C-alpha atoms as a PDB file:
ATOM      1  CA  MET A   1       9.251 113.123 -61.930  1.00  0.00           C
ATOM      2  CA  GLU A   2       6.343 111.305 -60.320  1.00  0.00           C
ATOM      3  CA  ALA A   3       4.870 108.155 -61.872  1.00  0.00           C
ATOM      4  CA  GLU A   4       1.316 109.455 -62.396  1.00  0.00           C
ATOM      5  CA  PRO A   5       1.910 111.925 -65.300  1.00  0.00           C
ATOM      6  CA  ILE A   6       3.573 109.145 -67.270  1.00  0.00           C
ATOM      7  CA  ARG A   7       0.818 106.665 -66.440  1.00  0.00           C
ATOM      8  CA  SER A   8      -1.776 109.241 -67.567  1.00  0.00           C
ATOM      9  CA  ALA A   9       0.019 109.786 -70.892  1.00  0.00           C
ATOM     10  CA  ILE A  10       0.173 106.026 -71.515  1.00  0.00           C
ATOM     11  CA  ARG A  11      -3.516 105.515 -70.713  1.00  0.00           C
ATOM     12  CA  LYS A  12      -4.875 108.609 -72.507  1.00  0.00           C
ATOM     13  CA  GLN A  13      -7.880 107.778 -74.706  1.00  0.00           C
ATOM     14  CA  PRO A  14      -7.650 108.253 -77.563  1.00  0.00           C
ATOM     15  CA  PHE A  15      -3.912 107.733 -77.369  1.00  0.00           C
ATOM     16  CA  SER A  16      -1.779 110.738 -78.271  1.00  0.00           C
ATOM     17  CA  SER A  17       1.931 110.466 -79.051  1.00  0.00           C
ATOM     18  CA  PHE A  18       4.368 111.961 -76.547  1.00  0.00           C
ATOM     19  CA  THR A  19       8.069 112.352 -75.888  1.00  0.00           C
ATOM     20  CA  ILE A  20       9.921 111.421 -72.709  1.00  0.00           C
ATOM     21  CA  THR A  21      13.110 113.339 -71.882  1.00  0.00           C
ATOM     22  CA  THR A  22      15.617 112.028 -69.342  1.00  0.00           C
ATOM     23  CA  SER A  23      18.030 113.886 -67.070  1.00  0.00           C
ATOM     24  CA  ALA A  24      20.825 112.765 -69.445  1.00  0.00           C
ATOM     25  CA  GLY A  25      19.072 114.576 -72.317  1.00  0.00           C
ATOM     26  CA  GLU A  26      17.909 111.427 -74.107  1.00  0.00           C
ATOM     27  CA  LYS A  27      14.550 111.670 -75.843  1.00  0.00           C
ATOM     28  CA  PHE A  28      12.202 108.770 -76.460  1.00  0.00           C
ATOM     29  CA  ALA A  29       9.291 109.166 -78.877  1.00  0.00           C
ATOM     30  CA  ILE A  30       6.247 107.163 -77.817  1.00  0.00           C
ATOM     31  CA  THR A  31       4.048 106.812 -80.892  1.00  0.00           C
ATOM     32  CA  HIS A  32       1.925 103.850 -79.810  1.00  0.00           C
ATOM     33  CA  PRO A  33       0.886 102.563 -76.369  1.00  0.00           C
ATOM     34  CA  GLU A  34       2.384  99.145 -77.126  1.00  0.00           C
ATOM     35  CA  THR A  35       5.886 100.653 -77.299  1.00  0.00           C
ATOM     36  CA  ILE A  36       5.989 101.557 -73.602  1.00  0.00           C
ATOM     37  CA  LEU A  37       5.435  99.661 -70.365  1.00  0.00           C
ATOM     38  CA  GLN A  38       5.267 101.041 -66.853  1.00  0.00           C
ATOM     39  CA  THR A  39       5.749  98.623 -63.966  1.00  0.00           C
ATOM     40  CA  GLU A  40       2.894  98.129 -61.533  1.00  0.00           C
ATOM     41  CA  GLY A  41       4.666 100.194 -58.877  1.00  0.00           C
ATOM     42  CA  GLY A  42       5.220 102.913 -61.479  1.00  0.00           C
ATOM     43  CA  ASN A  43       8.909 103.493 -60.799  1.00  0.00           C
ATOM     44  CA  THR A  44      10.310 101.837 -63.934  1.00  0.00           C
ATOM     45  CA  ILE A  45       9.528 102.425 -67.623  1.00  0.00           C
ATOM     46  CA  VAL A  46      10.505 100.118 -70.497  1.00  0.00           C
ATOM     47  CA  VAL A  47      10.524 101.779 -73.926  1.00  0.00           C
ATOM     48  CA  ARG A  48      10.884  99.960 -77.244  1.00  0.00           C
ATOM     49  CA  THR A  49      13.653 101.646 -79.221  1.00  0.00           C
ATOM     50  CA  GLY A  50      13.653  99.643 -82.428  1.00  0.00           C
ATOM     51  CA  GLN A  51      12.844  96.249 -83.829  1.00  0.00           C
ATOM     52  CA  GLU A  52      14.680  94.422 -81.036  1.00  0.00           C
ATOM     53  CA  GLY A  53      15.936  97.188 -78.770  1.00  0.00           C
ATOM     54  CA  PHE A  54      14.579  98.646 -75.572  1.00  0.00           C
ATOM     55  CA  ALA A  55      15.540 101.090 -72.840  1.00  0.00           C
ATOM     56  CA  ILE A  56      14.829 100.681 -69.145  1.00  0.00           C
ATOM     57  CA  LEU A  57      14.280 104.021 -67.422  1.00  0.00           C
ATOM     58  CA  ASP A  58      13.936 104.948 -63.772  1.00  0.00           C
ATOM     59  CA  VAL A  59      11.047 107.402 -63.426  1.00  0.00           C
ATOM     60  CA  LYS A  60      13.089 109.634 -61.090  1.00  0.00           C
ATOM     61  CA  ASN A  61      15.476 110.255 -64.054  1.00  0.00           C
ATOM     62  CA  ILE A  62      12.679 111.436 -66.370  1.00  0.00           C
ATOM     63  CA  THR A  63      12.545 115.227 -66.514  1.00  0.00           C
ATOM     64  CA  SER A  64       9.596 115.799 -68.847  1.00  0.00           C
ATOM     65  CA  VAL A  65       6.726 114.272 -70.755  1.00  0.00           C
ATOM     66  CA  GLN A  66       5.643 116.357 -73.761  1.00  0.00           C
ATOM     67  CA  LEU A  67       2.291 115.430 -75.240  1.00  0.00           C
ATOM     68  CA  GLY A  68       1.949 115.547 -79.014  1.00  0.00           C
ATOM     69  CA  LYS A  69       5.706 115.436 -79.564  1.00  0.00           C
ATOM     70  CA  GLY A  70       6.118 111.752 -80.369  1.00  0.00           C
ATOM     71  CA  ARG A  71       7.931 112.158 -83.677  1.00  0.00           C
ATOM     72  CA  LEU A  72      11.697 111.925 -83.462  1.00  0.00           C
ATOM     73  CA  PRO A  73      14.183 110.591 -86.005  1.00  0.00           C
ATOM     74  CA  PRO A  74      14.522 106.788 -85.744  1.00  0.00           C
ATOM     75  CA  ARG A  75      17.087 105.516 -83.260  1.00  0.00           C
ATOM     76  CA  GLU A  76      19.962 103.414 -84.591  1.00  0.00           C
END
C-alpha cells in the first residue's frame, strides 16, 4: 500500500475510526487519532495496542484501510 491513503485516514476531519489490515492478516482498530503515528516519510506506522503496547508496521505490509470499521475486540 502507498502511504497517502493511511495519512488521509489519520488526518480526516472530523476523525472517523478505521481498521488497518496487514499482509499477515492482523487487524488494528484505530478509534482515535492519538493511537496511531505515521513517520514523516510515511513508510512506518506505530499503532497503540493497549495500555503499554504498540505495533510497528511497515506500510508496504498493509493491505487495506477500511474506514468506519474501527471496532475490534480488545487485544490482549
